[in-house]
Amino acid sequence: MDIKVGDVVEMKKKHPCGAKTMKVLRVGLDYRLECEGCGKIIFAPRRLIEKNIKKTVIAAPNEDGANK
């Protein structure tokens, strides 16, 4: 998957607060996500997050400032 810092992704399952979208704060061996509904920060292994991502809702701009 091509997920970058700043992307907003929709998950397959809802967070306990009811929101399905998360903002990507860190990418690496694990992901750091922030819930768009309640602001809770979530750390999880890369394979678990990539399995549960449904789609990218908002893509972060490239280095030149343009979206894909």
PDB file of N, CA and C in Angstrom:
ATOM      1  N   MET A   1       0.833  -1.185   0.000  1.00  0.00           N
ATOM      2  CA  MET A   1       0.000   0.000   0.000  1.00  0.00           C
ATOM      3  C   MET A   1       0.879   1.250   0.000  1.00  0.00           C
ATOM      4  N   ASP A   2       0.379   2.287  -0.625  1.00  0.00           N
ATOM      5  CA  ASP A   2       1.108   3.551  -0.673  1.00  0.00           C
ATOM      6  C   ASP A   2       0.429   4.556   0.256  1.00  0.00           C
ATOM      7  N   ILE A   3       0.696   4.423   1.545  1.00  0.00           N
ATOM      8  CA  ILE A   3       0.136   5.318   2.556  1.00  0.00           C
ATOM      9  C   ILE A   3       1.237   6.254   3.023  1.00  0.00           C
ATOM     10  N   LYS A   4       0.952   7.557   3.068  1.00  0.00           N
ATOM     11  CA  LYS A   4       1.936   8.545   3.483  1.00  0.00           C
ATOM     12  C   LYS A   4       1.421   9.316   4.699  1.00  0.00           C
ATOM     13  N   VAL A   5       2.341   9.971   5.386  1.00  0.00           N
ATOM     14  CA  VAL A   5       1.980  10.831   6.510  1.00  0.00           C
ATOM     15  C   VAL A   5       1.092  11.958   5.985  1.00  0.00           C
ATOM     16  N   GLY A   6      -0.010  12.201   6.662  1.00  0.00           N
ATOM     17  CA  GLY A   6      -0.945  13.244   6.259  1.00  0.00           C
ATOM     18  C   GLY A   6      -2.173  12.713   5.548  1.00  0.00           C
ATOM     19  N   ASP A   7      -2.124  11.461   5.088  1.00  0.00           N
ATOM     20  CA  ASP A   7      -3.298  10.853   4.443  1.00  0.00           C
ATOM     21  C   ASP A   7      -4.402  10.642   5.464  1.00  0.00           C
ATOM     22  N   VAL A   8      -5.642  10.714   5.014  1.00  0.00           N
ATOM     23  CA  VAL A   8      -6.798  10.351   5.831  1.00  0.00           C
ATOM     24  C   VAL A   8      -7.360   9.084   5.211  1.00  0.00           C
ATOM     25  N   VAL A   9      -7.439   8.021   6.018  1.00  0.00           N
ATOM     26  CA  VAL A   9      -7.882   6.722   5.521  1.00  0.00           C
ATOM     27  C   VAL A   9      -9.182   6.303   6.187  1.00  0.00           C
ATOM     28  N   GLU A  10      -9.989   5.557   5.450  1.00  0.00           N
ATOM     29  CA  GLU A  10     -11.224   4.991   5.993  1.00  0.00           C
ATOM     30  C   GLU A  10     -10.952   3.544   6.359  1.00  0.00           C
ATOM     31  N   MET A  11     -11.316   3.164   7.574  1.00  0.00           N
ATOM     32  CA  MET A  11     -11.090   1.811   8.062  1.00  0.00           C
ATOM     33  C   MET A  11     -12.320   0.936   7.806  1.00  0.00           C
ATOM     34  N   LYS A  12     -12.135  -0.379   7.816  1.00  0.00           N
ATOM     35  CA  LYS A  12     -13.247  -1.303   7.616  1.00  0.00           C
ATOM     36  C   LYS A  12     -14.185  -1.309   8.823  1.00  0.00           C
ATOM     37  N   LYS A  13     -13.602  -1.177  10.017  1.00  0.00           N
ATOM     38  CA  LYS A  13     -14.409  -1.181  11.246  1.00  0.00           C
ATOM     39  C   LYS A  13     -14.368   0.199  11.891  1.00  0.00           C
ATOM     40  N   LYS A  14     -15.417   0.531  12.620  1.00  0.00           N
ATOM     41  CA  LYS A  14     -15.498   1.811  13.315  1.00  0.00           C
ATOM     42  C   LYS A  14     -14.658   1.797  14.581  1.00  0.00           C
ATOM     43  N   HIS A  15     -14.150   2.969  14.948  1.00  0.00           N
ATOM     44  CA  HIS A  15     -13.514   3.182  16.244  1.00  0.00           C
ATOM     45  C   HIS A  15     -14.640   3.195  17.284  1.00  0.00           C
ATOM     46  N   PRO A  16     -14.394   2.885  18.536  1.00  0.00           N
ATOM     47  CA  PRO A  16     -15.465   2.906  19.539  1.00  0.00           C
ATOM     48  C   PRO A  16     -16.250   4.223  19.629  1.00  0.00           C
ATOM     49  N   CYS A  17     -15.650   5.338  19.204  1.00  0.00           N
ATOM     50  CA  CYS A  17     -16.370   6.613  19.227  1.00  0.00           C
ATOM     51  C   CYS A  17     -17.360   6.733  18.060  1.00  0.00           C
ATOM     52  N   GLY A  18     -17.261   5.841  17.073  1.00  0.00           N
ATOM     53  CA  GLY A  18     -18.183   5.842  15.937  1.00  0.00           C
ATOM     54  C   GLY A  18     -17.579   6.335  14.634  1.00  0.00           C
ATOM     55  N   ALA A  19     -16.386   6.925  14.669  1.00  0.00           N
ATOM     56  CA  ALA A  19     -15.746   7.439  13.452  1.00  0.00           C
ATOM     57  C   ALA A  19     -15.048   6.306  12.696  1.00  0.00           C
ATOM     58  N   LYS A  20     -15.037   6.394  11.374  1.00  0.00           N
ATOM     59  CA  LYS A  20     -14.363   5.393  10.547  1.00  0.00           C
ATOM     60  C   LYS A  20     -13.105   5.950   9.883  1.00  0.00           C
ATOM     61  N   THR A  21     -12.843   7.248  10.007  1.00  0.00           N
ATOM     62  CA  THR A  21     -11.681   7.847   9.349  1.00  0.00           C
ATOM     63  C   THR A  21     -10.570   8.131  10.358  1.00  0.00           C
ATOM     64  N   MET A  22      -9.342   7.911   9.897  1.00  0.00           N
ATOM     65  CA  MET A  22      -8.154   8.122  10.720  1.00  0.00           C
ATOM     66  C   MET A  22      -7.129   8.912   9.906  1.00  0.00           C
ATOM     67  N   LYS A  23      -6.394   9.779  10.579  1.00  0.00           N
ATOM     68  CA  LYS A  23      -5.316  10.536   9.938  1.00  0.00           C
ATOM     69  C   LYS A  23      -3.999   9.850  10.261  1.00  0.00           C
ATOM     70  N   VAL A  24      -3.156   9.658   9.255  1.00  0.00           N
ATOM     71  CA  VAL A  24      -1.862   8.988   9.429  1.00  0.00           C
ATOM     72  C   VAL A  24      -0.848  10.005   9.945  1.00  0.00           C
ATOM     73  N   LEU A  25      -0.272   9.711  11.121  1.00  0.00           N
ATOM     74  CA  LEU A  25       0.723  10.598  11.725  1.00  0.00           C
ATOM     75  C   LEU A  25       2.145  10.076  11.563  1.00  0.00           C
ATOM     76  N   ARG A  26       2.304   8.739  11.434  1.00  0.00           N
ATOM     77  CA  ARG A  26       3.622   8.128  11.324  1.00  0.00           C
ATOM     78  C   ARG A  26       3.499   6.856  10.505  1.00  0.00           C
ATOM     79  N   VAL A  27       4.481   6.616   9.634  1.00  0.00           N
ATOM     80  CA  VAL A  27       4.534   5.396   8.837  1.00  0.00           C
ATOM     81  C   VAL A  27       5.899   4.774   9.037  1.00  0.00           C
ATOM     82  N   GLY A  28       5.936   3.481   9.198  1.00  0.00           N
ATOM     83  CA  GLY A  28       7.192   2.763   9.372  1.00  0.00           C
ATOM     84  C   GLY A  28       6.872   1.314   9.663  1.00  0.00           C
ATOM     85  N   LEU A  29       7.591   0.721  10.589  1.00  0.00           N
ATOM     86  CA  LEU A  29       7.311  -0.648  10.994  1.00  0.00           C
ATOM     87  C   LEU A  29       5.935  -0.725  11.646  1.00  0.00           C
ATOM     88  N   ASP A  30       5.554   0.370  12.290  1.00  0.00           N
ATOM     89  CA  ASP A  30       4.204   0.475  12.831  1.00  0.00           C
ATOM     90  C   ASP A  30       3.599   1.802  12.366  1.00  0.00           C
ATOM     91  N   TYR A  31       2.302   1.918  12.499  1.00  0.00           N
ATOM     92  CA  TYR A  31       1.589   3.133  12.103  1.00  0.00           C
ATOM     93  C   TYR A  31       1.126   3.861  13.358  1.00  0.00           C
ATOM     94  N   ARG A  32       1.127   5.189  13.296  1.00  0.00           N
ATOM     95  CA  ARG A  32       0.492   6.001  14.333  1.00  0.00           C
ATOM     96  C   ARG A  32      -0.655   6.721  13.637  1.00  0.00           C
ATOM     97  N   LEU A  33      -1.869   6.477  14.123  1.00  0.00           N
ATOM     98  CA  LEU A  33      -3.069   7.063  13.537  1.00  0.00           C
ATOM     99  C   LEU A  33      -3.778   7.915  14.576  1.00  0.00           C
ATOM    100  N   GLU A  34      -4.469   8.951  14.108  1.00  0.00           N
ATOM    101  CA  GLU A  34      -5.287   9.782  14.983  1.00  0.00           C
ATOM    102  C   GLU A  34      -6.727   9.672  14.517  1.00  0.00           C
ATOM    103  N   CYS A  35      -7.617   9.318  15.434  1.00  0.00           N
ATOM    104  CA  CYS A  35      -9.035   9.208  15.115  1.00  0.00           C
ATOM    105  C   CYS A  35      -9.571  10.591  14.781  1.00  0.00           C
ATOM    106  N   GLU A  36     -10.301  10.698  13.670  1.00  0.00           N
ATOM    107  CA  GLU A  36     -10.879  11.978  13.259  1.00  0.00           C
ATOM    108  C   GLU A  36     -12.073  12.362  14.132  1.00  0.00           C
ATOM    109  N   GLY A  37     -12.672  11.399  14.829  1.00  0.00           N
ATOM    110  CA  GLY A  37     -13.833  11.677  15.661  1.00  0.00           C
ATOM    111  C   GLY A  37     -13.476  12.206  17.042  1.00  0.00           C
ATOM    112  N   CYS A  38     -12.614  11.471  17.756  1.00  0.00           N
ATOM    113  CA  CYS A  38     -12.330  11.833  19.149  1.00  0.00           C
ATOM    114  C   CYS A  38     -10.904  12.314  19.389  1.00  0.00           C
ATOM    115  N   GLY A  39     -10.011  12.149  18.405  1.00  0.00           N
ATOM    116  CA  GLY A  39      -8.639  12.619  18.554  1.00  0.00           C
ATOM    117  C   GLY A  39      -7.699  11.647  19.239  1.00  0.00           C
ATOM    118  N   LYS A  40      -8.156  10.445  19.534  1.00  0.00           N
ATOM    119  CA  LYS A  40      -7.322   9.432  20.195  1.00  0.00           C
ATOM    120  C   LYS A  40      -6.202   8.987  19.261  1.00  0.00           C
ATOM    121  N   ILE A  41      -4.989   8.836  19.806  1.00  0.00           N
ATOM    122  CA  ILE A  41      -3.833   8.378  19.046  1.00  0.00           C
ATOM    123  C   ILE A  41      -3.734   6.862  19.193  1.00  0.00           C
ATOM    124  N   ILE A  42      -3.546   6.179  18.064  1.00  0.00           N
ATOM    125  CA  ILE A  42      -3.497   4.715  18.043  1.00  0.00           C
ATOM    126  C   ILE A  42      -2.181   4.274  17.410  1.00  0.00           C
ATOM    127  N   PHE A  43      -1.463   3.355  18.087  1.00  0.00           N
ATOM    128  CA  PHE A  43      -0.272   2.725  17.533  1.00  0.00           C
ATOM    129  C   PHE A  43      -0.645   1.294  17.200  1.00  0.00           C
ATOM    130  N   ALA A  44      -0.250   0.822  16.020  1.00  0.00           N
ATOM    131  CA  ALA A  44      -0.543  -0.558  15.635  1.00  0.00           C
ATOM    132  C   ALA A  44       0.482  -1.021  14.610  1.00  0.00           C
ATOM    133  N   PRO A  45       0.735  -2.334  14.560  1.00  0.00           N
ATOM    134  CA  PRO A  45       1.677  -2.867  13.569  1.00  0.00           C
ATOM    135  C   PRO A  45       1.193  -2.610  12.138  1.00  0.00           C
ATOM    136  N   ARG A  46       2.145  -2.461  11.241  1.00  0.00           N
ATOM    137  CA  ARG A  46       1.869  -2.165   9.839  1.00  0.00           C
ATOM    138  C   ARG A  46       0.925  -3.186   9.200  1.00  0.00           C
ATOM    139  N   ARG A  47       1.173  -4.465   9.394  1.00  0.00           N
ATOM    140  CA  ARG A  47       0.347  -5.500   8.750  1.00  0.00           C
ATOM    141  C   ARG A  47      -1.099  -5.456   9.223  1.00  0.00           C
ATOM    142  N   LEU A  48      -1.337  -5.121  10.470  1.00  0.00           N
ATOM    143  CA  LEU A  48      -2.696  -5.031  10.999  1.00  0.00           C
ATOM    144  C   LEU A  48      -3.442  -3.831  10.398  1.00  0.00           C
ATOM    145  N   ILE A  49      -2.771  -2.685  10.330  1.00  0.00           N
ATOM    146  CA  ILE A  49      -3.405  -1.482   9.788  1.00  0.00           C
ATOM    147  C   ILE A  49      -3.675  -1.642   8.293  1.00  0.00           C
ATOM    148  N   GLU A  50      -2.683  -2.134   7.530  1.00  0.00           N
ATOM    149  CA  GLU A  50      -2.876  -2.283   6.093  1.00  0.00           C
ATOM    150  C   GLU A  50      -3.995  -3.267   5.768  1.00  0.00           C
ATOM    151  N   LYS A  51      -4.196  -4.253   6.614  1.00  0.00           N
ATOM    152  CA  LYS A  51      -5.279  -5.216   6.422  1.00  0.00           C
ATOM    153  C   LYS A  51      -6.643  -4.561   6.648  1.00  0.00           C
ATOM    154  N   ASN A  52      -6.708  -3.582   7.550  1.00  0.00           N
ATOM    155  CA  ASN A  52      -7.976  -2.981   7.934  1.00  0.00           C
ATOM    156  C   ASN A  52      -8.308  -1.666   7.234  1.00  0.00           C
ATOM    157  N   ILE A  53      -7.429  -1.183   6.353  1.00  0.00           N
ATOM    158  CA  ILE A  53      -7.726   0.040   5.605  1.00  0.00           C
ATOM    159  C   ILE A  53      -8.645  -0.294   4.435  1.00  0.00           C
ATOM    160  N   LYS A  54      -9.731   0.442   4.328  1.00  0.00           N
ATOM    161  CA  LYS A  54     -10.679   0.250   3.229  1.00  0.00           C
ATOM    162  C   LYS A  54     -10.268   1.077   2.010  1.00  0.00           C
ATOM    163  N   LYS A  55      -9.998   2.389   2.228  1.00  0.00           N
ATOM    164  CA  LYS A  55      -9.578   3.260   1.133  1.00  0.00           C
ATOM    165  C   LYS A  55      -8.962   4.529   1.702  1.00  0.00           C
ATOM    166  N   THR A  56      -8.262   5.271   0.829  1.00  0.00           N
ATOM    167  CA  THR A  56      -7.714   6.572   1.192  1.00  0.00           C
ATOM    168  C   THR A  56      -8.758   7.626   0.842  1.00  0.00           C
ATOM    169  N   VAL A  57      -9.184   8.378   1.841  1.00  0.00           N
ATOM    170  CA  VAL A  57     -10.211   9.401   1.643  1.00  0.00           C
ATOM    171  C   VAL A  57      -9.570  10.683   1.131  1.00  0.00           C
ATOM    172  N   ILE A  58      -8.537  11.152   1.807  1.00  0.00           N
ATOM    173  CA  ILE A  58      -7.824  12.377   1.411  1.00  0.00           C
ATOM    174  C   ILE A  58      -6.337  12.038   1.339  1.00  0.00           C
ATOM    175  N   ALA A  59      -5.749  12.225   0.164  1.00  0.00           N
ATOM    176  CA  ALA A  59      -4.316  11.960  -0.007  1.00  0.00           C
ATOM    177  C   ALA A  59      -3.523  13.208   0.357  1.00  0.00           C
ATOM    178  N   ALA A  60      -2.405  13.002   1.032  1.00  0.00           N
ATOM    179  CA  ALA A  60      -1.523  14.118   1.378  1.00  0.00           C
ATOM    180  C   ALA A  60      -0.875  14.645   0.105  1.00  0.00           C
ATOM    181  N   PRO A  61      -0.580  15.952   0.019  1.00  0.00           N
ATOM    182  CA  PRO A  61       0.079  16.490  -1.159  1.00  0.00           C
ATOM    183  C   PRO A  61       1.492  15.938  -1.302  1.00  0.00           C
ATOM    184  N   ASN A  62       1.966  15.845  -2.544  1.00  0.00           N
ATOM    185  CA  ASN A  62       3.353  15.405  -2.812  1.00  0.00           C
ATOM    186  C   ASN A  62       4.315  16.488  -2.366  1.00  0.00           C
ATOM    187  N   GLU A  63       5.617  16.219  -2.529  1.00  0.00           N
ATOM    188  CA  GLU A  63       6.635  17.195  -2.140  1.00  0.00           C
ATOM    189  C   GLU A  63       6.529  18.489  -2.950  1.00  0.00           C
ATOM    190  N   ASP A  64       6.041  18.388  -4.203  1.00  0.00           N
ATOM    191  CA  ASP A  64       5.911  19.593  -5.024  1.00  0.00           C
ATOM    192  C   ASP A  64       4.592  20.327  -4.767  1.00  0.00           C
ATOM    193  N   GLY A  65       3.759  19.801  -3.849  1.00  0.00           N
ATOM    194  CA  GLY A  65       2.541  20.486  -3.453  1.00  0.00           C
ATOM    195  C   GLY A  65       1.287  20.049  -4.194  1.00  0.00           C
ATOM    196  N   ALA A  66       1.427  19.125  -5.138  1.00  0.00           N
ATOM    197  CA  ALA A  66       0.263  18.676  -5.919  1.00  0.00           C
ATOM    198  C   ALA A  66      -0.231  17.325  -5.415  1.00  0.00           C
ATOM    199  N   ASN A  67      -1.546  17.133  -5.403  1.00  0.00           N
ATOM    200  CA  ASN A  67      -2.116  15.833  -5.062  1.00  0.00           C
ATOM    201  C   ASN A  67      -2.000  14.910  -6.254  1.00  0.00           C
ATOM    202  N   LYS A  68      -2.091  13.610  -5.994  1.00  0.00           N
ATOM    203  CA  LYS A  68      -2.041  12.622  -7.071  1.00  0.00           C
ATOM    204  C   LYS A  68      -3.260  12.688  -7.927  1.00  0.00           C
TER     205      LYS A  68
END
